[in-house]
Amino acid sequence: MAGKFTENGMLRPSFVPPAPGRRLHDYTRLRVDLTGGRARYWRQLEKLLEDALIKLLEDALIKVPAVAR
């Protein structure tokens, strides 16, 4: 049924970007997931240490990357 609408120009065909565009989208999504995971890891580590009554100071030996804050 939808094929007839597309043939008659009543429905626009779905857009599938070319392969390089899809790869770029996939890599960008993966990068966002990985950086979010890294930030989540640092927050969990900081919470664990704070719960153990160990406060992280700004000038501590462990330097948290600015992105993770």
PDB file of N, CA and C in Angstrom:
ATOM      1  N   MET A   1       0.822  -1.187   0.000  1.00  0.00           N
ATOM      2  CA  MET A   1       0.000   0.000   0.000  1.00  0.00           C
ATOM      3  C   MET A   1       0.869   1.256   0.000  1.00  0.00           C
ATOM      4  N   ALA A   2       1.876   1.301   0.880  1.00  0.00           N
ATOM      5  CA  ALA A   2       2.740   2.478   0.951  1.00  0.00           C
ATOM      6  C   ALA A   2       3.533   2.635  -0.339  1.00  0.00           C
ATOM      7  N   GLY A   3       3.826   1.521  -1.012  1.00  0.00           N
ATOM      8  CA  GLY A   3       4.559   1.586  -2.276  1.00  0.00           C
ATOM      9  C   GLY A   3       3.801   2.368  -3.331  1.00  0.00           C
ATOM     10  N   LYS A   4       2.481   2.228  -3.369  1.00  0.00           N
ATOM     11  CA  LYS A   4       1.672   2.965  -4.340  1.00  0.00           C
ATOM     12  C   LYS A   4       1.711   4.460  -4.053  1.00  0.00           C
ATOM     13  N   PHE A   5       1.663   4.826  -2.776  1.00  0.00           N
ATOM     14  CA  PHE A   5       1.743   6.243  -2.421  1.00  0.00           C
ATOM     15  C   PHE A   5       3.089   6.827  -2.841  1.00  0.00           C
ATOM     16  N   THR A   6       4.156   6.058  -2.644  1.00  0.00           N
ATOM     17  CA  THR A   6       5.491   6.530  -3.019  1.00  0.00           C
ATOM     18  C   THR A   6       5.594   6.679  -4.531  1.00  0.00           C
ATOM     19  N   GLU A   7       5.073   5.704  -5.257  1.00  0.00           N
ATOM     20  CA  GLU A   7       5.123   5.755  -6.722  1.00  0.00           C
ATOM     21  C   GLU A   7       4.380   6.974  -7.259  1.00  0.00           C
ATOM     22  N   ASN A   8       3.278   7.329  -6.658  1.00  0.00           N
ATOM     23  CA  ASN A   8       2.474   8.454  -7.122  1.00  0.00           C
ATOM     24  C   ASN A   8       2.970   9.793  -6.582  1.00  0.00           C
ATOM     25  N   GLY A   9       4.039   9.782  -5.790  1.00  0.00           N
ATOM     26  CA  GLY A   9       4.595  11.022  -5.263  1.00  0.00           C
ATOM     27  C   GLY A   9       3.840  11.576  -4.074  1.00  0.00           C
ATOM     28  N   MET A  10       2.974  10.783  -3.477  1.00  0.00           N
ATOM     29  CA  MET A  10       2.199  11.247  -2.333  1.00  0.00           C
ATOM     30  C   MET A  10       2.973  11.066  -1.022  1.00  0.00           C
ATOM     31  N   LEU A  11       3.954  10.203  -1.048  1.00  0.00           N
ATOM     32  CA  LEU A  11       4.780   9.952   0.132  1.00  0.00           C
ATOM     33  C   LEU A  11       6.239  10.104  -0.267  1.00  0.00           C
ATOM     34  N   ARG A  12       7.012  10.785   0.579  1.00  0.00           N
ATOM     35  CA  ARG A  12       8.440  10.884   0.289  1.00  0.00           C
ATOM     36  C   ARG A  12       9.121   9.593   0.720  1.00  0.00           C
ATOM     37  N   PRO A  13      10.060   9.109  -0.061  1.00  0.00           N
ATOM     38  CA  PRO A  13      10.786   7.903   0.359  1.00  0.00           C
ATOM     39  C   PRO A  13      11.635   8.224   1.589  1.00  0.00           C
ATOM     40  N   SER A  14      11.870   7.220   2.408  1.00  0.00           N
ATOM     41  CA  SER A  14      12.676   7.453   3.611  1.00  0.00           C
ATOM     42  C   SER A  14      14.110   7.772   3.204  1.00  0.00           C
ATOM     43  N   PHE A  15      14.752   8.603   4.000  1.00  0.00           N
ATOM     44  CA  PHE A  15      16.108   9.033   3.697  1.00  0.00           C
ATOM     45  C   PHE A  15      17.098   8.154   4.439  1.00  0.00           C
ATOM     46  N   VAL A  16      17.980   7.528   3.688  1.00  0.00           N
ATOM     47  CA  VAL A  16      19.077   6.763   4.266  1.00  0.00           C
ATOM     48  C   VAL A  16      20.351   7.447   3.808  1.00  0.00           C
ATOM     49  N   PRO A  17      21.122   8.021   4.742  1.00  0.00           N
ATOM     50  CA  PRO A  17      22.330   8.733   4.331  1.00  0.00           C
ATOM     51  C   PRO A  17      23.358   7.782   3.728  1.00  0.00           C
ATOM     52  N   PRO A  18      24.272   8.318   2.928  1.00  0.00           N
ATOM     53  CA  PRO A  18      25.312   7.468   2.354  1.00  0.00           C
ATOM     54  C   PRO A  18      26.193   6.867   3.452  1.00  0.00           C
ATOM     55  N   ALA A  19      26.914   5.811   3.095  1.00  0.00           N
ATOM     56  CA  ALA A  19      27.716   5.062   4.071  1.00  0.00           C
ATOM     57  C   ALA A  19      28.680   5.941   4.872  1.00  0.00           C
ATOM     58  N   PRO A  20      29.434   6.875   4.250  1.00  0.00           N
ATOM     59  CA  PRO A  20      30.344   7.690   5.071  1.00  0.00           C
ATOM     60  C   PRO A  20      29.602   8.515   6.128  1.00  0.00           C
ATOM     61  N   GLY A  21      28.435   9.011   5.799  1.00  0.00           N
ATOM     62  CA  GLY A  21      27.640   9.773   6.763  1.00  0.00           C
ATOM     63  C   GLY A  21      27.150   8.904   7.903  1.00  0.00           C
ATOM     64  N   ARG A  22      26.750   7.674   7.585  1.00  0.00           N
ATOM     65  CA  ARG A  22      26.304   6.746   8.628  1.00  0.00           C
ATOM     66  C   ARG A  22      27.453   6.383   9.554  1.00  0.00           C
ATOM     67  N   ARG A  23      28.657   6.160   8.975  1.00  0.00           N
ATOM     68  CA  ARG A  23      29.828   5.831   9.800  1.00  0.00           C
ATOM     69  C   ARG A  23      30.170   6.983  10.736  1.00  0.00           C
ATOM     70  N   LEU A  24      30.133   8.210  10.214  1.00  0.00           N
ATOM     71  CA  LEU A  24      30.421   9.377  11.042  1.00  0.00           C
ATOM     72  C   LEU A  24      29.424   9.469  12.198  1.00  0.00           C
ATOM     73  N   HIS A  25      28.163   9.228  11.909  1.00  0.00           N
ATOM     74  CA  HIS A  25      27.125   9.243  12.947  1.00  0.00           C
ATOM     75  C   HIS A  25      27.410   8.177  13.998  1.00  0.00           C
ATOM     76  N   ASP A  26      27.770   6.974  13.550  1.00  0.00           N
ATOM     77  CA  ASP A  26      28.060   5.885  14.486  1.00  0.00           C
ATOM     78  C   ASP A  26      29.267   6.208  15.361  1.00  0.00           C
ATOM     79  N   TYR A  27      30.328   6.748  14.757  1.00  0.00           N
ATOM     80  CA  TYR A  27      31.532   7.095  15.522  1.00  0.00           C
ATOM     81  C   TYR A  27      31.240   8.206  16.522  1.00  0.00           C
ATOM     82  N   THR A  28      30.441   9.185  16.113  1.00  0.00           N
ATOM     83  CA  THR A  28      30.095  10.285  17.011  1.00  0.00           C
ATOM     84  C   THR A  28      29.295   9.769  18.195  1.00  0.00           C
ATOM     85  N   ARG A  29      28.339   8.902  17.921  1.00  0.00           N
ATOM     86  CA  ARG A  29      27.529   8.326  19.001  1.00  0.00           C
ATOM     87  C   ARG A  29      28.405   7.501  19.945  1.00  0.00           C
ATOM     88  N   LEU A  30      29.330   6.723  19.395  1.00  0.00           N
ATOM     89  CA  LEU A  30      30.227   5.918  20.221  1.00  0.00           C
ATOM     90  C   LEU A  30      31.092   6.818  21.099  1.00  0.00           C
ATOM     91  N   ARG A  31      31.599   7.911  20.532  1.00  0.00           N
ATOM     92  CA  ARG A  31      32.442   8.841  21.295  1.00  0.00           C
ATOM     93  C   ARG A  31      31.658   9.444  22.459  1.00  0.00           C
ATOM     94  N   VAL A  32      30.425   9.827  22.207  1.00  0.00           N
ATOM     95  CA  VAL A  32      29.584  10.393  23.270  1.00  0.00           C
ATOM     96  C   VAL A  32      29.365   9.354  24.367  1.00  0.00           C
ATOM     97  N   ASP A  33      29.090   8.115  23.976  1.00  0.00           N
ATOM     98  CA  ASP A  33      28.878   7.054  24.960  1.00  0.00           C
ATOM     99  C   ASP A  33      30.134   6.812  25.792  1.00  0.00           C
ATOM    100  N   LEU A  34      31.298   6.793  25.128  1.00  0.00           N
ATOM    101  CA  LEU A  34      32.542   6.525  25.843  1.00  0.00           C
ATOM    102  C   LEU A  34      32.909   7.653  26.796  1.00  0.00           C
ATOM    103  N   THR A  35      32.765   8.900  26.361  1.00  0.00           N
ATOM    104  CA  THR A  35      33.105  10.015  27.246  1.00  0.00           C
ATOM    105  C   THR A  35      32.121  10.095  28.408  1.00  0.00           C
ATOM    106  N   GLY A  36      30.858   9.792  28.151  1.00  0.00           N
ATOM    107  CA  GLY A  36      29.879   9.754  29.239  1.00  0.00           C
ATOM    108  C   GLY A  36      30.197   8.650  30.231  1.00  0.00           C
ATOM    109  N   GLY A  37      30.649   7.516  29.721  1.00  0.00           N
ATOM    110  CA  GLY A  37      31.035   6.405  30.589  1.00  0.00           C
ATOM    111  C   GLY A  37      32.224   6.758  31.453  1.00  0.00           C
ATOM    112  N   ARG A  38      33.175   7.485  30.876  1.00  0.00           N
ATOM    113  CA  ARG A  38      34.361   7.893  31.634  1.00  0.00           C
ATOM    114  C   ARG A  38      33.963   8.847  32.758  1.00  0.00           C
ATOM    115  N   ALA A  39      33.109   9.802  32.459  1.00  0.00           N
ATOM    116  CA  ALA A  39      32.652  10.745  33.483  1.00  0.00           C
ATOM    117  C   ALA A  39      31.874  10.014  34.574  1.00  0.00           C
ATOM    118  N   ARG A  40      31.049   9.061  34.168  1.00  0.00           N
ATOM    119  CA  ARG A  40      30.267   8.281  35.132  1.00  0.00           C
ATOM    120  C   ARG A  40      31.204   7.488  36.053  1.00  0.00           C
ATOM    121  N   TYR A  41      32.265   6.917  35.471  1.00  0.00           N
ATOM    122  CA  TYR A  41      33.241   6.159  36.249  1.00  0.00           C
ATOM    123  C   TYR A  41      33.882   7.047  37.318  1.00  0.00           C
ATOM    124  N   TRP A  42      34.313   8.261  36.947  1.00  0.00           N
ATOM    125  CA  TRP A  42      34.963   9.168  37.901  1.00  0.00           C
ATOM    126  C   TRP A  42      33.997   9.587  39.005  1.00  0.00           C
ATOM    127  N   ARG A  43      32.730   9.831  38.657  1.00  0.00           N
ATOM    128  CA  ARG A  43      31.752  10.202  39.682  1.00  0.00           C
ATOM    129  C   ARG A  43      31.536   9.051  40.664  1.00  0.00           C
ATOM    130  N   GLN A  44      31.468   7.817  40.149  1.00  0.00           N
ATOM    131  CA  GLN A  44      31.290   6.659  41.015  1.00  0.00           C
ATOM    132  C   GLN A  44      32.495   6.477  41.930  1.00  0.00           C
ATOM    133  N   LEU A  45      33.690   6.663  41.380  1.00  0.00           N
ATOM    134  CA  LEU A  45      34.906   6.532  42.175  1.00  0.00           C
ATOM    135  C   LEU A  45      34.948   7.594  43.273  1.00  0.00           C
ATOM    136  N   GLU A  46      34.617   8.828  42.911  1.00  0.00           N
ATOM    137  CA  GLU A  46      34.615   9.905  43.894  1.00  0.00           C
ATOM    138  C   GLU A  46      33.590   9.638  44.997  1.00  0.00           C
ATOM    139  N   LYS A  47      32.407   9.168  44.621  1.00  0.00           N
ATOM    140  CA  LYS A  47      31.366   8.860  45.605  1.00  0.00           C
ATOM    141  C   LYS A  47      31.823   7.733  46.523  1.00  0.00           C
ATOM    142  N   LEU A  48      32.436   6.711  45.963  1.00  0.00           N
ATOM    143  CA  LEU A  48      32.929   5.593  46.760  1.00  0.00           C
ATOM    144  C   LEU A  48      33.950   6.076  47.782  1.00  0.00           C
ATOM    145  N   LEU A  49      34.886   6.912  47.353  1.00  0.00           N
ATOM    146  CA  LEU A  49      35.906   7.419  48.265  1.00  0.00           C
ATOM    147  C   LEU A  49      35.304   8.345  49.319  1.00  0.00           C
ATOM    148  N   GLU A  50      34.339   9.174  48.914  1.00  0.00           N
ATOM    149  CA  GLU A  50      33.690  10.060  49.885  1.00  0.00           C
ATOM    150  C   GLU A  50      32.904   9.256  50.917  1.00  0.00           C
ATOM    151  N   ASP A  51      32.265   8.186  50.474  1.00  0.00           N
ATOM    152  CA  ASP A  51      31.535   7.335  51.413  1.00  0.00           C
ATOM    153  C   ASP A  51      32.489   6.674  52.404  1.00  0.00           C
ATOM    154  N   ALA A  52      33.720   6.453  51.988  1.00  0.00           N
ATOM    155  CA  ALA A  52      34.734   5.872  52.868  1.00  0.00           C
ATOM    156  C   ALA A  52      35.445   6.962  53.666  1.00  0.00           C
ATOM    157  N   LEU A  53      34.872   8.157  53.682  1.00  0.00           N
ATOM    158  CA  LEU A  53      35.382   9.307  54.424  1.00  0.00           C
ATOM    159  C   LEU A  53      36.727   9.801  53.907  1.00  0.00           C
ATOM    160  N   ILE A  54      36.980   9.591  52.659  1.00  0.00           N
ATOM    161  CA  ILE A  54      38.190  10.109  52.033  1.00  0.00           C
ATOM    162  C   ILE A  54      37.744  11.149  51.028  1.00  0.00           C
ATOM    163  N   LYS A  55      38.040  12.391  51.286  1.00  0.00           N
ATOM    164  CA  LYS A  55      37.642  13.471  50.381  1.00  0.00           C
ATOM    165  C   LYS A  55      38.748  13.716  49.370  1.00  0.00           C
ATOM    166  N   LEU A  56      38.367  13.879  48.145  1.00  0.00           N
ATOM    167  CA  LEU A  56      39.331  14.246  47.122  1.00  0.00           C
ATOM    168  C   LEU A  56      39.493  15.758  47.133  1.00  0.00           C
ATOM    169  N   LEU A  57      40.702  16.200  47.212  1.00  0.00           N
ATOM    170  CA  LEU A  57      40.981  17.622  47.170  1.00  0.00           C
ATOM    171  C   LEU A  57      41.418  18.002  45.765  1.00  0.00           C
ATOM    172  N   GLU A  58      41.308  19.279  45.453  1.00  0.00           N
ATOM    173  CA  GLU A  58      41.687  19.745  44.122  1.00  0.00           C
ATOM    174  C   GLU A  58      43.155  19.471  43.832  1.00  0.00           C
ATOM    175  N   ASP A  59      44.010  19.557  44.857  1.00  0.00           N
ATOM    176  CA  ASP A  59      45.437  19.356  44.629  1.00  0.00           C
ATOM    177  C   ASP A  59      45.891  17.958  45.042  1.00  0.00           C
ATOM    178  N   ALA A  60      44.966  16.998  45.031  1.00  0.00           N
ATOM    179  CA  ALA A  60      45.310  15.625  45.389  1.00  0.00           C
ATOM    180  C   ALA A  60      46.148  14.994  44.287  1.00  0.00           C
ATOM    181  N   LEU A  61      46.701  13.847  44.594  1.00  0.00           N
ATOM    182  CA  LEU A  61      47.519  13.155  43.603  1.00  0.00           C
ATOM    183  C   LEU A  61      46.690  12.685  42.417  1.00  0.00           C
ATOM    184  N   ILE A  62      45.428  12.318  42.680  1.00  0.00           N
ATOM    185  CA  ILE A  62      44.557  11.873  41.595  1.00  0.00           C
ATOM    186  C   ILE A  62      43.968  13.112  40.941  1.00  0.00           C
ATOM    187  N   LYS A  63      44.283  13.320  39.702  1.00  0.00           N
ATOM    188  CA  LYS A  63      43.742  14.456  38.961  1.00  0.00           C
ATOM    189  C   LYS A  63      42.615  13.951  38.071  1.00  0.00           C
ATOM    190  N   VAL A  64      41.434  14.411  38.323  1.00  0.00           N
ATOM    191  CA  VAL A  64      40.279  14.042  37.515  1.00  0.00           C
ATOM    192  C   VAL A  64      40.276  14.936  36.286  1.00  0.00           C
ATOM    193  N   PRO A  65      40.177  14.341  35.088  1.00  0.00           N
ATOM    194  CA  PRO A  65      40.121  15.172  33.878  1.00  0.00           C
ATOM    195  C   PRO A  65      38.961  16.159  33.944  1.00  0.00           C
ATOM    196  N   ALA A  66      39.157  17.325  33.373  1.00  0.00           N
ATOM    197  CA  ALA A  66      38.135  18.373  33.412  1.00  0.00           C
ATOM    198  C   ALA A  66      36.834  17.903  32.781  1.00  0.00           C
ATOM    199  N   VAL A  67      36.914  17.043  31.782  1.00  0.00           N
ATOM    200  CA  VAL A  67      35.714  16.555  31.095  1.00  0.00           C
ATOM    201  C   VAL A  67      34.864  15.719  32.042  1.00  0.00           C
ATOM    202  N   ALA A  68      35.495  15.030  32.981  1.00  0.00           N
ATOM    203  CA  ALA A  68      34.774  14.117  33.865  1.00  0.00           C
ATOM    204  C   ALA A  68      34.061  14.842  34.994  1.00  0.00           C
ATOM    205  N   ARG A  69      34.337  16.113  35.195  1.00  0.00           N
ATOM    206  CA  ARG A  69      33.723  16.830  36.321  1.00  0.00           C
ATOM    207  C   ARG A  69      32.346  17.293  36.007  1.00  0.00           C
TER     208      ARG A  69
END
